[in-house]
Amino acid sequence: MVFPQNINKGKFIVIEGIDGSGLSTQTAILKERLTSEGIKTYQTKEPTDGPVGGVLRLALTKRISITPETFALLFAADRMDHLTKEIVPKLEEGIAVICDRYYFSNFAYQGIDLDMDWLIKLNCKALLPDATIFLDVDPLECEKRRESRMRVEHFEEMEKLSKIREKYLEVLKQLGDETKAKIEIVNANNSIEQVADDILSAIRPIIK
């Protein structure tokens, strides 16, 4: 795996996890904590609210049907648009960017159906994050957390979540070994406050 390094002043932090692991909650808490320390921070997510992201959301909520290959292509397209229009400009300004999901999601979710080498090639122009945090949660716990949702998204079936979690762990280990990227696995079965503390401790070495 070869991905371009982030040479900008701002640090690029990614938070990953299966559905129901607390991504949006922890991303928001981390932004609040860093901002309170005087660190300029920008919070974003994938899929984005852009035109490609809109199509992805329709597919994720089963309002349209697309193939796994199309999912992968759309995610990669949305990501490059995201990097060009939002992430890189903020990093160039010296702002820390916290992203809720990135190409690790692509590798884990589409990787259960598609060739990993092809998925990596689709994303080979995307920046390597300065730090990636994986919120590791028992799929059964995720199921409990999602009970109140009105609609089950495409990737939220229990059996798929278990496979995706396994693929995440496999991909994160492979990427960590091959790129020496900073990857931390946080036990997200713990309380929200404990998880937030663990995330902050994990990224502390790269944040001044």
Protein backbone atom coordinates (compact mmCIF):
# COMPACT_ATOMS: atom_id res chain seq x y z
CA MET A 1 0.00 0.00 0.00
CA VAL A 2 1.38 3.39 -0.99
CA PHE A 3 -0.53 6.55 -0.12
CA PRO A 4 0.74 10.16 -0.23
CA GLN A 5 1.88 11.53 3.11
CA ASN A 6 0.28 14.61 4.63
CA ILE A 7 2.97 17.31 4.39
CA ASN A 8 0.65 20.15 5.37
CA LYS A 9 0.74 22.10 8.63
CA GLY A 10 -2.57 20.71 9.89
CA LYS A 11 -2.92 17.16 11.20
CA PHE A 12 -5.34 14.72 9.56
CA ILE A 13 -7.20 12.49 12.05
CA VAL A 14 -9.64 9.76 11.03
CA ILE A 15 -12.11 7.95 13.29
CA GLU A 16 -13.41 4.62 12.03
CA GLY A 17 -15.76 1.87 13.19
CA ILE A 18 -18.73 -0.29 12.29
CA ASP A 19 -22.21 1.21 12.35
CA GLY A 20 -23.31 1.95 15.90
CA SER A 21 -19.78 2.29 17.29
CA GLY A 22 -20.22 5.96 18.22
CA LEU A 23 -18.41 7.67 15.35
CA SER A 24 -20.44 10.88 15.17
CA THR A 25 -20.50 11.24 18.97
CA GLN A 26 -16.75 10.76 19.40
CA THR A 27 -15.85 12.94 16.43
CA ALA A 28 -17.86 15.80 17.92
CA ILE A 29 -16.35 15.33 21.39
CA LEU A 30 -12.81 15.28 20.02
CA LYS A 31 -13.42 18.50 18.07
CA GLU A 32 -14.83 20.16 21.19
CA ARG A 33 -11.87 19.06 23.33
CA LEU A 34 -9.22 20.15 20.84
CA THR A 35 -10.96 23.47 20.26
CA SER A 36 -11.06 24.08 24.03
CA GLU A 37 -7.28 23.69 24.01
CA GLY A 38 -6.95 26.40 21.39
CA ILE A 39 -6.29 24.00 18.51
CA LYS A 40 -8.04 25.04 15.30
CA THR A 41 -10.15 22.06 14.29
CA TYR A 42 -12.47 21.15 11.43
CA GLN A 43 -14.97 18.29 11.67
CA THR A 44 -16.17 16.44 8.56
CA LYS A 45 -17.49 13.05 7.45
CA GLU A 46 -17.89 10.55 4.64
CA PRO A 47 -19.99 10.12 2.65
CA THR A 48 -20.09 13.89 2.24
CA ASP A 49 -23.03 16.18 1.61
CA GLY A 50 -21.76 16.74 -1.93
CA PRO A 51 -23.40 15.47 -5.14
CA VAL A 52 -21.72 12.04 -5.08
CA GLY A 53 -22.34 11.71 -1.36
CA GLY A 54 -26.03 12.35 -2.00
CA VAL A 55 -26.23 9.37 -4.35
CA LEU A 56 -24.42 7.22 -1.78
CA ARG A 57 -26.91 8.15 0.93
CA LEU A 58 -29.79 7.10 -1.31
CA ALA A 59 -28.12 3.73 -1.80
CA LEU A 60 -27.20 3.29 1.87
CA THR A 61 -30.81 3.86 2.90
CA LYS A 62 -32.00 1.45 0.17
CA ARG A 63 -33.90 4.08 -1.80
CA ILE A 64 -31.89 3.05 -4.86
CA SER A 65 -30.03 -0.18 -5.60
CA ILE A 66 -26.41 -0.31 -6.77
CA THR A 67 -23.74 -3.01 -7.03
CA PRO A 68 -20.77 -3.40 -4.63
CA GLU A 69 -18.48 -2.22 -7.45
CA THR A 70 -20.56 0.93 -7.91
CA PHE A 71 -20.50 1.57 -4.16
CA ALA A 72 -16.70 1.37 -4.21
CA LEU A 73 -16.37 3.68 -7.21
CA LEU A 74 -18.75 6.24 -5.77
CA PHE A 75 -17.05 6.24 -2.36
CA ALA A 76 -13.65 6.78 -4.03
CA ALA A 77 -15.04 9.62 -6.18
CA ASP A 78 -16.70 11.26 -3.18
CA ARG A 79 -13.44 10.96 -1.24
CA MET A 80 -11.29 12.68 -3.86
CA ASP A 81 -13.85 15.50 -4.11
CA HIS A 82 -13.82 15.71 -0.31
CA LEU A 83 -10.03 15.91 -0.17
CA THR A 84 -9.77 18.54 -2.89
CA LYS A 85 -12.56 20.83 -1.73
CA GLU A 86 -12.49 20.47 2.06
CA ILE A 87 -9.76 18.44 3.72
CA VAL A 88 -6.56 19.58 1.98
CA PRO A 89 -7.45 23.32 2.01
CA LYS A 90 -8.02 23.12 5.79
CA LEU A 91 -4.78 21.19 6.34
CA GLU A 92 -2.88 23.79 4.30
CA GLU A 93 -4.21 26.48 6.65
CA GLY A 94 -2.78 24.57 9.61
CA ILE A 95 -6.19 23.37 10.81
CA ALA A 96 -6.53 19.88 12.30
CA VAL A 97 -9.13 17.89 10.36
CA ILE A 98 -11.17 15.15 12.08
CA CYS A 99 -12.93 12.90 9.60
CA ASP A 100 -15.75 10.51 10.50
CA ARG A 101 -14.90 7.58 8.12
CA TYR A 102 -12.34 7.48 5.32
CA TYR A 103 -10.90 4.87 2.94
CA PHE A 104 -10.61 2.29 5.71
CA SER A 105 -14.42 2.12 5.57
CA ASN A 106 -14.15 1.49 1.82
CA PHE A 107 -11.68 -1.34 2.42
CA ALA A 108 -13.71 -2.92 5.23
CA TYR A 109 -17.24 -2.57 3.88
CA GLN A 110 -16.62 -3.26 0.19
CA GLY A 111 -13.71 -5.58 1.01
CA ILE A 112 -16.08 -8.33 2.11
CA ASP A 113 -17.27 -8.61 -1.52
CA LEU A 114 -14.52 -7.15 -3.70
CA ASP A 115 -10.82 -7.56 -4.46
CA MET A 116 -8.74 -5.58 -1.97
CA ASP A 117 -6.00 -4.70 -4.47
CA TRP A 118 -8.59 -3.05 -6.71
CA LEU A 119 -10.04 -1.08 -3.80
CA ILE A 120 -6.57 0.14 -2.83
CA LYS A 121 -5.85 1.27 -6.39
CA LEU A 122 -9.09 3.25 -6.44
CA ASN A 123 -7.88 5.19 -3.40
CA CYS A 124 -4.15 5.39 -4.14
CA LYS A 125 -4.25 9.20 -4.53
CA ALA A 126 -5.90 9.75 -1.14
CA LEU A 127 -3.81 11.12 1.74
CA LEU A 128 -2.55 8.83 4.48
CA PRO A 129 -3.99 10.13 7.79
CA ASP A 130 -1.59 11.24 10.52
CA ALA A 131 -3.62 9.13 12.95
CA THR A 132 -6.45 6.65 12.59
CA ILE A 133 -8.62 5.60 15.54
CA PHE A 134 -10.72 2.46 15.22
CA LEU A 135 -13.63 2.26 17.64
CA ASP A 136 -13.85 -1.46 18.30
CA VAL A 137 -17.29 -2.54 19.51
CA ASP A 138 -18.98 -5.91 19.84
CA PRO A 139 -21.57 -6.07 17.00
CA LEU A 140 -24.17 -7.17 19.56
CA GLU A 141 -23.61 -3.92 21.46
CA CYS A 142 -23.98 -1.99 18.20
CA GLU A 143 -27.28 -3.78 17.60
CA LYS A 144 -28.58 -2.57 20.97
CA ARG A 145 -27.49 0.99 20.25
CA ARG A 146 -29.29 1.00 16.91
CA GLU A 147 -32.63 -0.35 18.18
CA SER A 148 -34.17 3.12 18.22
CA ARG A 149 -33.41 3.84 14.56
CA MET A 150 -36.32 4.05 12.16
CA ARG A 151 -34.44 2.65 9.15
CA VAL A 152 -31.73 0.01 8.93
CA GLU A 153 -29.04 1.07 6.46
CA HIS A 154 -27.58 -1.22 3.82
CA PHE A 155 -24.56 -2.36 5.85
CA GLU A 156 -26.23 -2.66 9.25
CA GLU A 157 -27.41 -6.28 9.18
CA MET A 158 -25.90 -8.21 12.11
CA GLU A 159 -24.05 -10.86 10.12
CA LYS A 160 -22.52 -8.24 7.85
CA LEU A 161 -21.41 -6.13 10.79
CA SER A 162 -19.44 -9.06 12.21
CA LYS A 163 -17.73 -9.67 8.87
CA ILE A 164 -16.99 -5.98 8.44
CA ARG A 165 -15.45 -5.74 11.91
CA GLU A 166 -13.15 -8.66 11.07
CA LYS A 167 -12.21 -7.06 7.75
CA TYR A 168 -11.48 -3.75 9.49
CA LEU A 169 -9.05 -5.41 11.90
CA GLU A 170 -7.38 -7.27 9.04
CA VAL A 171 -6.99 -4.16 6.88
CA LEU A 172 -5.80 -1.93 9.72
CA LYS A 173 -3.10 -4.42 10.64
CA GLN A 174 -2.00 -4.76 7.03
CA LEU A 175 -1.89 -1.02 6.46
CA GLY A 176 -0.12 -0.41 9.75
CA ASP A 177 2.54 -3.00 8.91
CA GLU A 178 3.09 -1.78 5.34
CA THR A 179 2.91 2.00 5.79
CA LYS A 180 3.91 2.39 9.46
CA ALA A 181 0.82 4.57 9.79
CA LYS A 182 -0.30 5.53 13.30
CA ILE A 183 -3.31 3.33 13.99
CA GLU A 184 -4.90 2.91 17.41
CA ILE A 185 -7.67 0.49 18.35
CA VAL A 186 -9.88 1.86 21.13
CA ASN A 187 -12.29 -0.28 23.14
CA ALA A 188 -15.55 1.50 22.38
CA ASN A 189 -17.63 -0.85 24.54
CA ASN A 190 -16.66 1.49 27.39
CA SER A 191 -18.52 4.61 28.46
CA ILE A 192 -18.64 7.59 26.10
CA GLU A 193 -16.38 9.58 28.44
CA GLN A 194 -13.80 6.80 28.72
CA VAL A 195 -13.70 6.31 24.96
CA ALA A 196 -13.25 10.05 24.46
CA ASP A 197 -10.36 10.06 26.96
CA ASP A 198 -8.71 7.12 25.18
CA ILE A 199 -9.01 8.82 21.78
CA LEU A 200 -7.45 12.02 23.06
CA SER A 201 -4.58 10.08 24.64
CA ALA A 202 -4.01 8.20 21.36
CA ILE A 203 -3.68 11.34 19.26
CA ARG A 204 -1.85 13.43 21.81
CA PRO A 205 1.62 12.62 20.38
CA ILE A 206 0.77 14.24 17.03
CA ILE A 207 -1.17 17.26 18.35
CA LYS A 208 0.79 20.17 19.74
